[in-house]
């Protein structure tokens, strides 16, 4: 992470601290810097925490601009929005830059950190307990957090971030921009479009949905669709089908077995050195994480190995070892509070248990229901401001919109785009075969990124060459590593 420290230091040294500030709102400071060996400008903008009145506490938002590398620089940059909510656009520069370099030839790349993330006034609390610890303990933890929070959560909404971004872009003299977002970043794009339509030239969305879709409340059904897609893709790939000719039946047998009684792996045999128990919820979460990230190719072999195991402990060891490098998010430690504001206050991100009721057949239903029930305890305690959320009702826009969704995405399924042209008549959703929520860099650079460059260069969906889509679906691992 040394590279990030260099970037943060370059930005923070422009002024004082990168968090809360007594400096006047509107103060913009920029200095030359180098990011990933590229010429850049690092800066900060002081903005009011309460943008509704412009009074009270001010906070500092950091940003990085990577200058176009080619001789013919276009006036409209690409503005990148991170996922999450909770991701920092500045912190993601290193991981995302390889996929953006083809856009950087003629256009600046702009990364503006969201208030409440990274070094831009992060508001963090100790991790909250789950419902298993009891409702009273959960409520007490949230209340204790809020009592010591140095900031007003009401103003850490997507709309307030969009206004921060617009102010930075205006101060940097960018009249029009091309928006590019990933996951939650696609929601930011749409909120920005609602609030500042005149500044938007094009929109590119990766793994997102129209803002009128309640994506979290569709999650159980979308997760099941994604798993069905994985099984169907294996069925239609000769090598995978030969290796696992009864994959759907394997899954049914495994799900029933784990549901009857949890599998136990003693600490003495576990690669982690701790006792492992495999419940249905554990299995569901592992599958979801595999489809969300880059491990979809392991699912058939893992399901078959577990379902046909004579030695359950040995099978569990094999699957655990195969997933050691998955990088699935852990629990514990500190948690940012800005995402809580968005989940609790913004309609598209809502998570109501009643909205899941028709999705019982999904393998993910129970874990999604538990999450929704958790939010029902937390959200009434989170301070809210309807004015700071703003009007998130989509309106018709003629801005060209290009979207990419993985066919195996367990949350942002391509079906979420049905009816999107009601609001975005000049839009197109491209389905990426074999991809989950996180699109692997090789696929992006070889196909989606090339399509995106053409789209942004011409600011039009016409004449996009999508022949590469037929070549990007990866194969499955027929054995566990």
Protein backbone atom coordinates (compact mmCIF):
# COMPACT_ATOMS: atom_id res chain seq x y z
CA UNK A 1 0.00 0.00 0.00
CA UNK A 2 3.04 2.30 -0.16
CA UNK A 3 1.79 3.78 -3.44
CA UNK A 4 -1.42 4.93 -1.73
CA UNK A 5 0.53 6.61 1.05
CA UNK A 6 2.40 8.61 -1.56
CA UNK A 7 -0.82 9.74 -3.23
CA UNK A 8 -2.50 10.59 0.06
CA UNK A 9 0.55 12.48 1.28
CA UNK A 10 0.72 14.44 -1.95
CA UNK A 11 -2.90 15.48 -1.54
CA UNK A 12 -2.84 16.15 2.20
CA UNK A 13 0.31 18.26 2.07
CA UNK A 14 -1.52 20.77 -0.10
CA UNK A 15 -3.36 22.02 2.96
CA UNK A 16 -3.87 20.83 6.49
CA UNK A 17 -5.65 17.64 7.52
CA UNK A 18 -7.70 15.66 5.03
CA UNK A 19 -10.65 15.22 7.38
CA UNK A 20 -12.72 17.87 9.12
CA UNK A 21 -11.44 21.40 8.76
CA UNK A 22 -11.92 24.93 9.98
CA UNK A 23 -10.84 26.26 6.59
CA UNK A 24 -13.37 28.18 4.51
CA UNK A 25 -15.63 26.28 2.13
CA UNK A 26 -14.64 26.64 -1.51
CA UNK A 27 -10.88 26.55 -0.90
CA UNK A 28 -9.33 24.58 -3.78
CA UNK A 29 -5.66 23.63 -3.72
CA UNK A 30 -3.86 21.66 -6.41
CA UNK A 31 -0.25 20.60 -6.89
CA UNK A 32 1.63 18.51 -9.47
CA UNK A 33 2.22 14.91 -8.46
CA UNK A 34 3.03 11.53 -9.94
CA UNK A 35 0.63 8.61 -9.68
CA UNK A 36 1.67 5.19 -10.95
CA UNK A 37 4.51 6.88 -12.89
CA UNK A 38 2.03 9.14 -14.68
CA UNK A 39 1.89 12.92 -14.52
CA UNK A 40 -1.02 14.00 -12.37
CA UNK A 41 -2.49 16.76 -10.28
CA UNK A 42 -3.41 16.04 -6.68
CA UNK A 43 -5.68 18.34 -4.79
CA UNK A 44 -8.26 19.05 -2.14
CA UNK A 45 -11.47 21.01 -2.05
CA UNK A 46 -13.01 22.28 1.18
CA UNK A 47 -16.80 21.88 1.12
CA UNK A 48 -19.54 22.42 3.69
CA UNK A 49 -20.61 19.20 5.38
CA UNK A 50 -24.15 20.61 5.30
CA UNK A 51 -24.56 21.55 1.67
CA UNK A 52 -28.23 22.44 2.23
CA UNK A 53 -27.44 25.57 4.26
CA UNK A 54 -23.72 25.95 3.58
CA UNK A 55 -23.13 26.63 7.26
CA UNK A 56 -21.31 24.85 10.06
CA UNK A 57 -18.54 22.29 9.80
CA UNK A 58 -16.45 22.01 6.66
CA UNK A 59 -14.79 18.87 5.34
CA UNK A 60 -12.01 18.26 2.86
CA UNK A 61 -12.51 16.17 -0.27
CA UNK A 62 -9.43 14.88 -2.06
CA UNK A 63 -9.05 14.20 -5.76
CA UNK A 64 -6.50 13.12 -8.35
CA UNK A 65 -6.40 14.05 -12.03
CA UNK A 66 -4.19 11.94 -14.30
CA UNK A 67 -3.39 13.96 -17.38
CA UNK A 68 -4.04 12.58 -20.86
CA UNK A 69 -0.93 10.84 -22.14
CA UNK A 70 -1.36 11.53 -25.86
CA UNK A 71 -0.74 14.71 -27.87
CA UNK A 72 -4.40 15.37 -28.70
CA UNK A 73 -6.18 15.98 -25.41
CA UNK A 74 -9.97 16.12 -25.51
CA UNK A 75 -11.68 18.65 -23.22
CA UNK A 76 -14.05 16.10 -21.65
CA UNK A 77 -12.38 13.82 -19.10
CA UNK A 78 -13.46 10.43 -17.76
CA UNK A 79 -14.67 10.65 -14.16
CA UNK A 80 -14.43 7.37 -12.25
CA UNK A 81 -16.83 6.43 -9.43
CA UNK A 82 -15.90 3.61 -7.05
CA UNK A 83 -18.15 0.83 -5.83
CA UNK A 84 -19.34 0.07 -2.34
CA UNK A 85 -20.87 2.18 -1.04
CA UNK A 86 -17.70 2.84 0.89
CA UNK A 87 -15.07 2.57 -1.84
CA UNK A 88 -12.55 5.37 -2.32
CA UNK A 89 -11.97 6.44 -5.93
CA UNK A 90 -8.45 7.58 -5.02
CA UNK A 91 -7.60 4.35 -3.20
CA UNK A 92 -8.76 2.34 -6.23
CA UNK A 93 -6.52 4.11 -8.74
CA UNK A 94 -3.90 1.39 -8.74
CA UNK A 95 -6.34 -1.48 -9.24
CA UNK A 96 -8.51 0.27 -11.83
CA UNK A 97 -5.90 2.18 -13.82
CA UNK A 98 -4.90 -0.75 -16.08
CA UNK A 99 -8.50 -0.97 -17.29
CA UNK A 100 -8.69 2.79 -17.88
CA UNK A 101 -5.39 3.41 -19.66
CA UNK A 102 -6.89 3.09 -23.13
CA UNK A 103 -9.21 5.98 -22.22
CA UNK A 104 -6.30 8.02 -20.87
CA UNK A 105 -4.66 8.56 -24.25
CA UNK A 106 -6.96 11.44 -25.22
CA UNK A 107 -8.71 12.20 -21.93
CA UNK A 108 -7.80 13.09 -18.40
CA UNK A 109 -8.88 10.60 -15.75
CA UNK A 110 -10.50 12.17 -12.70
CA UNK A 111 -10.83 10.42 -9.34
CA UNK A 112 -12.79 12.32 -6.69
CA UNK A 113 -13.06 10.71 -3.29
CA UNK A 114 -16.50 10.36 -1.78
CA UNK A 115 -17.08 12.20 1.48
CA UNK A 116 -16.97 9.68 4.30
CA UNK A 117 -14.39 7.42 2.62
CA UNK A 118 -10.61 7.21 2.42
CA UNK A 119 -9.07 10.49 3.61
CA UNK A 120 -12.18 12.59 2.97
CA UNK A 121 -13.67 12.87 6.44
CA UNK A 122 -14.16 9.14 7.07
CA UNK A 123 -16.69 8.46 9.81
CA UNK A 124 -15.97 5.05 11.32
CA UNK A 125 -17.22 2.96 14.22
CA UNK A 126 -16.29 -0.41 15.70
CA UNK A 127 -17.97 -3.24 13.80
CA UNK A 128 -21.55 -3.82 14.89
CA UNK A 129 -22.61 -7.26 16.17
CA UNK A 130 -24.99 -9.54 14.28
CA UNK A 131 -28.54 -10.32 15.30
CA UNK A 132 -27.28 -13.43 17.05
CA UNK A 133 -25.88 -11.18 19.78
CA UNK A 134 -29.35 -9.86 20.45
CA UNK A 135 -31.32 -6.81 19.33
CA UNK A 136 -30.56 -4.86 22.51
CA UNK A 137 -26.81 -5.29 22.10
CA UNK A 138 -26.97 -4.28 18.44
CA UNK A 139 -28.96 -1.14 19.22
CA UNK A 140 -26.60 -0.24 22.05
CA UNK A 141 -23.58 -0.55 19.73
CA UNK A 142 -25.16 1.73 17.10
CA UNK A 143 -26.15 4.33 19.69
CA UNK A 144 -22.68 4.29 21.25
CA UNK A 145 -21.15 4.81 17.82
CA UNK A 146 -23.39 7.75 16.96
CA UNK A 147 -22.74 9.41 20.31
CA UNK A 148 -19.02 9.66 19.55
CA UNK A 149 -19.13 10.31 15.80
CA UNK A 150 -17.39 13.52 14.73
CA UNK A 151 -19.72 14.40 11.89
CA UNK A 152 -23.35 14.52 10.84
CA UNK A 153 -24.34 11.37 8.96
CA UNK A 154 -27.39 13.03 7.45
CA UNK A 155 -25.18 14.74 4.88
CA UNK A 156 -23.21 11.70 3.68
CA UNK A 157 -25.62 10.83 0.89
CA UNK A 158 -25.07 10.11 -2.78
CA UNK A 159 -26.62 13.47 -3.67
CA UNK A 160 -24.22 15.42 -1.46
CA UNK A 161 -21.31 13.53 -3.02
CA UNK A 162 -22.62 14.33 -6.50
CA UNK A 163 -22.64 18.01 -5.59
CA UNK A 164 -19.06 17.76 -4.28
CA UNK A 165 -18.04 16.20 -7.60
CA UNK A 166 -19.79 18.89 -9.60
CA UNK A 167 -18.03 21.61 -7.66
CA UNK A 168 -14.61 20.01 -8.17
CA UNK A 169 -15.24 19.59 -11.90
CA UNK A 170 -16.39 23.19 -12.23
CA UNK A 171 -13.37 24.51 -10.36
CA UNK A 172 -11.12 22.44 -12.63
CA UNK A 173 -12.89 23.99 -15.65
CA UNK A 174 -14.36 20.80 -17.11
CA UNK A 175 -17.55 21.85 -18.87
CA UNK A 176 -18.64 18.32 -19.82
CA UNK A 177 -17.47 14.92 -18.63
CA UNK A 178 -17.84 11.21 -19.32
CA UNK A 179 -19.00 9.31 -16.25
CA UNK A 180 -17.79 5.79 -15.53
CA UNK A 181 -18.94 3.84 -12.48
CA UNK A 182 -18.66 0.36 -11.03
CA UNK A 183 -21.38 -1.23 -8.87
CA UNK A 184 -22.54 1.49 -6.43
CA UNK A 185 -20.66 3.93 -8.66
CA UNK A 186 -23.38 3.42 -11.28
CA UNK A 187 -25.93 4.76 -8.79
CA UNK A 188 -23.70 7.80 -8.26
CA UNK A 189 -23.63 8.39 -12.02
CA UNK A 190 -27.40 8.43 -12.20
CA UNK A 191 -27.79 10.73 -9.19
CA UNK A 192 -25.19 13.05 -10.72
CA UNK A 193 -27.15 13.04 -13.98
CA UNK A 194 -30.35 13.96 -12.13
CA UNK A 195 -28.69 16.85 -10.33
CA UNK A 196 -26.26 18.13 -12.97
CA UNK A 197 -27.50 16.94 -16.38
CA UNK A 198 -25.77 19.66 -18.37
CA UNK A 199 -22.31 18.45 -17.37
CA UNK A 200 -22.77 14.85 -18.59
CA UNK A 201 -21.62 13.84 -22.08
CA UNK A 202 -21.77 10.02 -21.76
CA UNK A 203 -22.35 7.41 -19.07
CA UNK A 204 -20.67 3.99 -18.86
CA UNK A 205 -21.90 1.59 -16.18
CA UNK A 206 -20.22 -1.63 -15.08
CA UNK A 207 -22.23 -4.07 -12.94
CA UNK A 208 -25.07 -1.69 -12.17
CA UNK A 209 -28.82 -1.22 -12.53
CA UNK A 210 -31.21 1.64 -13.26
CA UNK A 211 -31.88 3.70 -10.16
CA UNK A 212 -35.56 2.71 -10.05
CA UNK A 213 -34.61 -0.93 -9.39
CA UNK A 214 -34.38 -1.96 -5.72
CA UNK A 215 -31.31 -4.11 -6.28
CA UNK A 216 -30.83 -5.40 -2.73
CA UNK A 217 -34.41 -6.60 -2.53
CA UNK A 218 -33.96 -8.53 -5.79
CA UNK A 219 -30.81 -10.22 -4.53
CA UNK A 220 -32.22 -13.68 -3.63
CA UNK A 221 -33.84 -14.18 -7.02
CA UNK A 222 -30.83 -12.78 -8.86
CA UNK A 223 -28.47 -15.03 -6.91
CA UNK A 224 -30.47 -18.09 -7.90
CA UNK A 225 -30.50 -16.98 -11.53
CA UNK A 226 -26.73 -16.60 -11.42
CA UNK A 227 -26.26 -20.08 -9.97
CA UNK A 228 -28.61 -21.58 -12.54
CA UNK A 229 -26.55 -19.83 -15.21
CA UNK A 230 -23.35 -21.42 -13.90
CA UNK A 231 -24.91 -24.89 -13.99
CA UNK A 232 -26.32 -24.31 -17.49
CA UNK A 233 -22.97 -23.05 -18.76
CA UNK A 234 -21.25 -26.17 -17.43
CA UNK A 235 -23.95 -28.31 -19.09
CA UNK A 236 -23.20 -26.72 -22.45
CA UNK A 237 -19.42 -26.93 -22.21
CA UNK A 238 -18.46 -30.49 -23.28
CA UNK A 239 -15.46 -30.83 -20.95
CA UNK A 240 -17.38 -29.57 -17.92
CA UNK A 241 -20.40 -31.72 -18.70
CA UNK A 242 -18.24 -34.83 -19.05
CA UNK A 243 -16.56 -34.12 -15.71
CA UNK A 244 -19.81 -33.30 -13.89
CA UNK A 245 -22.68 -34.88 -15.85
CA UNK A 246 -25.15 -34.60 -12.96
CA UNK A 247 -24.21 -31.22 -11.54
CA UNK A 248 -27.76 -30.06 -10.75
CA UNK A 249 -28.46 -33.33 -8.93
CA UNK A 250 -25.13 -32.99 -7.09
CA UNK A 251 -26.23 -29.58 -5.89
CA UNK A 252 -29.62 -30.83 -4.73
CA UNK A 253 -27.98 -33.66 -2.78
CA UNK A 254 -25.39 -31.37 -1.19
CA UNK A 255 -27.94 -28.72 -0.19
CA UNK A 256 -30.16 -31.34 1.43
CA UNK A 257 -27.25 -32.96 3.26
CA UNK A 258 -25.97 -29.72 4.75
CA UNK A 259 -29.52 -28.71 5.63
CA UNK A 260 -30.13 -31.95 7.51
CA UNK A 261 -27.12 -31.42 9.78
CA UNK A 262 -24.03 -29.23 9.48
CA UNK A 263 -20.78 -30.78 8.36
CA UNK A 264 -17.95 -30.49 10.88
CA UNK A 265 -14.23 -30.29 10.15
CA UNK A 266 -12.17 -30.73 13.35
CA UNK A 267 -9.50 -28.12 14.09
CA UNK A 268 -6.83 -30.84 13.90
CA UNK A 269 -7.65 -31.41 10.21
CA UNK A 270 -8.55 -27.87 9.20
CA UNK A 271 -6.11 -25.79 7.12
CA UNK A 272 -7.13 -22.81 9.27
CA UNK A 273 -6.37 -24.57 12.55
CA UNK A 274 -9.90 -23.96 13.79
CA UNK A 275 -13.02 -26.09 13.77
CA UNK A 276 -15.07 -25.47 10.64
CA UNK A 277 -18.82 -26.03 10.37
CA UNK A 278 -20.64 -26.05 7.07
CA UNK A 279 -24.27 -24.94 7.40
CA UNK A 280 -26.57 -24.06 4.54
CA UNK A 281 -25.93 -20.38 5.22
CA UNK A 282 -22.16 -20.96 5.00
CA UNK A 283 -22.57 -22.76 1.70
CA UNK A 284 -24.88 -20.07 0.36
CA UNK A 285 -22.48 -17.31 1.32
CA UNK A 286 -19.52 -19.12 -0.25
CA UNK A 287 -21.40 -19.56 -3.53
CA UNK A 288 -22.48 -15.92 -3.53
CA UNK A 289 -18.93 -14.71 -2.95
CA UNK A 290 -17.61 -16.99 -5.70
CA UNK A 291 -20.08 -15.56 -8.22
CA UNK A 292 -19.58 -12.00 -6.98
CA UNK A 293 -15.82 -12.22 -7.48
CA UNK A 294 -13.63 -14.32 -9.72
CA UNK A 295 -14.22 -17.87 -8.49
CA UNK A 296 -17.23 -18.88 -10.59
CA UNK A 297 -14.94 -21.28 -12.47
CA UNK A 298 -14.48 -23.32 -9.26
CA UNK A 299 -18.17 -23.84 -8.48
CA UNK A 300 -18.86 -27.05 -10.47
CA UNK A 301 -15.78 -28.85 -9.13
CA UNK A 302 -16.46 -27.67 -5.56
CA UNK A 303 -20.12 -28.72 -5.64
CA UNK A 304 -19.29 -32.10 -7.15
CA UNK A 305 -16.44 -32.72 -4.70
CA UNK A 306 -18.63 -32.02 -1.70
CA UNK A 307 -21.75 -33.78 -3.01
CA UNK A 308 -19.99 -37.04 -3.88
CA UNK A 309 -17.60 -37.11 -0.93
CA UNK A 310 -17.17 -40.32 1.01
CA UNK A 311 -14.91 -38.46 3.40
CA UNK A 312 -16.61 -35.16 4.25
CA UNK A 313 -13.62 -33.80 6.13
CA UNK A 314 -11.25 -34.41 3.22
CA UNK A 315 -13.70 -32.80 0.81
CA UNK A 316 -14.03 -29.74 3.02
CA UNK A 317 -10.25 -29.44 3.22
CA UNK A 318 -9.97 -29.58 -0.58
CA UNK A 319 -12.59 -26.86 -1.06
CA UNK A 320 -11.12 -24.64 1.68
CA UNK A 321 -7.66 -24.91 0.14
CA UNK A 322 -9.05 -24.09 -3.30
CA UNK A 323 -10.66 -20.92 -1.98
CA UNK A 324 -7.75 -19.68 0.11
CA UNK A 325 -6.89 -16.92 -2.38
CA UNK A 326 -10.41 -15.76 -3.00
CA UNK A 327 -10.01 -12.52 -1.10
CA UNK A 328 -13.57 -12.54 0.20
CA UNK A 329 -14.24 -9.65 2.56
CA UNK A 330 -13.75 -10.39 6.23
CA UNK A 331 -15.64 -9.20 9.26
CA UNK A 332 -14.66 -7.27 12.33
CA UNK A 333 -12.53 -4.17 12.74
CA UNK A 334 -13.83 -0.68 11.95
CA UNK A 335 -16.71 0.00 9.61
CA UNK A 336 -17.49 3.18 7.70
CA UNK A 337 -20.85 4.72 8.53
CA UNK A 338 -21.49 6.47 5.23
CA UNK A 339 -22.83 3.24 3.63
CA UNK A 340 -25.38 2.98 6.46
CA UNK A 341 -26.80 6.36 5.52
CA UNK A 342 -27.20 5.29 1.90
CA UNK A 343 -28.71 1.88 2.68
CA UNK A 344 -31.13 3.30 5.22
CA UNK A 345 -32.15 6.52 3.47
CA UNK A 346 -32.01 5.97 -0.31
CA UNK A 347 -34.95 4.03 -1.80
CA UNK A 348 -32.97 2.10 -4.42
CA UNK A 349 -30.72 0.66 -1.66
CA UNK A 350 -33.53 -0.31 0.73
CA UNK A 351 -33.63 -3.79 2.24
CA UNK A 352 -37.07 -4.69 3.60
CA UNK A 353 -37.75 -8.28 4.70
CA UNK A 354 -41.25 -8.18 3.21
CA UNK A 355 -39.82 -7.45 -0.24
CA UNK A 356 -38.00 -10.80 -0.21
CA UNK A 357 -41.09 -12.88 0.51
CA UNK A 358 -41.61 -14.17 -3.02
CA UNK A 359 -38.05 -15.49 -3.36
CA UNK A 360 -38.05 -18.41 -0.89
CA UNK A 361 -36.85 -20.85 -3.55
CA UNK A 362 -33.45 -19.13 -3.77
CA UNK A 363 -30.47 -20.70 -2.03
CA UNK A 364 -29.59 -17.19 -0.82
CA UNK A 365 -33.01 -16.36 0.65
CA UNK A 366 -32.18 -17.06 4.28
CA UNK A 367 -28.91 -15.13 4.41
CA UNK A 368 -30.51 -12.21 2.56
CA UNK A 369 -33.46 -12.28 4.96
CA UNK A 370 -31.12 -12.17 7.95
CA UNK A 371 -29.37 -9.16 6.45
CA UNK A 372 -32.67 -7.40 5.84
CA UNK A 373 -33.76 -8.09 9.42
CA UNK A 374 -30.47 -6.67 10.68
CA UNK A 375 -31.10 -3.45 8.78
CA UNK A 376 -34.57 -3.19 10.28
CA UNK A 377 -32.91 -2.83 13.67
CA UNK A 378 -30.13 -0.47 12.56
CA UNK A 379 -31.89 1.91 10.16
CA UNK A 380 -34.36 3.51 12.62
CA UNK A 381 -31.32 4.66 14.61
CA UNK A 382 -29.46 6.30 11.69
CA UNK A 383 -30.14 10.07 11.43
CA UNK A 384 -31.78 11.01 8.15
CA UNK A 385 -32.48 14.06 6.02
CA UNK A 386 -34.88 13.75 3.10
CA UNK A 387 -33.53 17.01 1.70
CA UNK A 388 -29.96 15.67 1.72
CA UNK A 389 -31.12 12.51 -0.09
CA UNK A 390 -32.89 14.62 -2.69
CA UNK A 391 -35.26 13.50 -5.41
CA UNK A 392 -34.01 10.16 -6.79
CA UNK A 393 -36.91 9.63 -9.19
CA UNK A 394 -35.49 8.97 -12.65
CA UNK A 395 -36.45 11.28 -15.47
CA UNK A 396 -36.01 10.84 -19.21
CA UNK A 397 -32.49 11.67 -20.37
CA UNK A 398 -31.09 11.70 -23.89
CA UNK A 399 -27.51 11.18 -22.65
CA UNK A 400 -26.11 7.99 -24.25
CA UNK A 401 -25.76 5.20 -21.67
CA UNK A 402 -23.64 2.06 -22.15
CA UNK A 403 -24.01 -0.66 -19.50
CA UNK A 404 -22.16 -3.94 -18.92
CA UNK A 405 -23.53 -6.71 -16.71
CA UNK A 406 -22.07 -10.13 -16.01
CA UNK A 407 -24.36 -13.01 -16.94
CA UNK A 408 -23.39 -14.67 -13.64
CA UNK A 409 -23.74 -11.58 -11.45
CA UNK A 410 -25.64 -12.57 -8.28
CA UNK A 411 -26.95 -9.06 -7.60
CA UNK A 412 -26.94 -6.93 -10.78
CA UNK A 413 -28.47 -9.45 -13.14
CA UNK A 414 -29.06 -8.31 -16.74
CA UNK A 415 -32.82 -8.64 -16.11
CA UNK A 416 -32.55 -5.50 -13.97
CA UNK A 417 -32.26 -3.54 -17.22
CA UNK A 418 -35.69 -4.52 -18.52
CA UNK A 419 -37.60 -1.30 -19.10
CA UNK A 420 -34.57 0.97 -18.73
CA UNK A 421 -35.20 2.65 -22.07
CA UNK A 422 -38.23 4.30 -20.56
CA UNK A 423 -35.76 6.64 -18.87
CA UNK A 424 -32.69 6.13 -21.02
CA UNK A 425 -33.95 5.85 -24.61
CA UNK A 426 -30.39 6.04 -25.95
CA UNK A 427 -29.06 3.13 -23.89
CA UNK A 428 -27.73 -0.38 -24.34
CA UNK A 429 -26.94 -3.13 -21.84
CA UNK A 430 -24.24 -5.58 -22.96
CA UNK A 431 -24.17 -8.95 -21.19
CA UNK A 432 -20.68 -10.31 -20.47
CA UNK A 433 -20.62 -14.14 -20.68
CA UNK A 434 -18.99 -15.99 -17.81
CA UNK A 435 -18.60 -12.89 -15.63
CA UNK A 436 -19.92 -12.22 -12.16
CA UNK A 437 -20.23 -8.88 -10.41
CA UNK A 438 -16.50 -8.19 -10.54
CA UNK A 439 -15.43 -8.32 -14.19
CA UNK A 440 -11.91 -9.71 -14.52
CA UNK A 441 -9.35 -7.33 -15.92
CA UNK A 442 -8.46 -9.54 -18.88
CA UNK A 443 -12.06 -9.58 -20.08
CA UNK A 444 -12.38 -5.85 -19.62
CA UNK A 445 -9.20 -4.96 -21.47
CA UNK A 446 -9.78 -7.42 -24.33
CA UNK A 447 -13.41 -6.64 -24.94
CA UNK A 448 -15.51 -4.35 -22.77
CA UNK A 449 -12.80 -1.71 -22.52
CA UNK A 450 -12.36 -1.61 -26.29
CA UNK A 451 -16.10 -1.17 -26.76
CA UNK A 452 -16.14 1.55 -24.11
CA UNK A 453 -13.36 3.50 -25.79
CA UNK A 454 -15.27 3.56 -29.09
CA UNK A 455 -18.43 4.61 -27.28
CA UNK A 456 -16.76 7.50 -25.47
CA UNK A 457 -14.78 8.65 -28.51
CA UNK A 458 -17.92 8.97 -30.63
CA UNK A 459 -20.41 9.67 -27.80
CA UNK A 460 -22.76 7.26 -29.53
CA UNK A 461 -23.95 3.67 -29.28
CA UNK A 462 -23.84 3.30 -33.06
CA UNK A 463 -21.26 1.08 -34.74
CA UNK A 464 -20.02 -0.67 -31.60
CA UNK A 465 -18.12 -3.83 -32.49
CA UNK A 466 -19.20 -6.51 -30.01
CA UNK A 467 -17.80 -9.57 -31.78
CA UNK A 468 -15.29 -10.04 -28.96
CA UNK A 469 -18.13 -11.13 -26.63
CA UNK A 470 -18.13 -14.54 -28.30
CA UNK A 471 -14.56 -15.19 -27.19
CA UNK A 472 -14.40 -14.07 -23.57
CA UNK A 473 -16.34 -16.70 -21.56
CA UNK A 474 -13.75 -18.59 -19.48
CA UNK A 475 -13.76 -22.35 -18.99
CA UNK A 476 -14.31 -24.15 -15.70
CA UNK A 477 -11.68 -25.77 -13.53
CA UNK A 478 -12.34 -29.50 -13.76
CA UNK A 479 -10.36 -30.24 -10.61
CA UNK A 480 -9.77 -28.22 -7.49
CA UNK A 481 -6.33 -26.60 -7.30
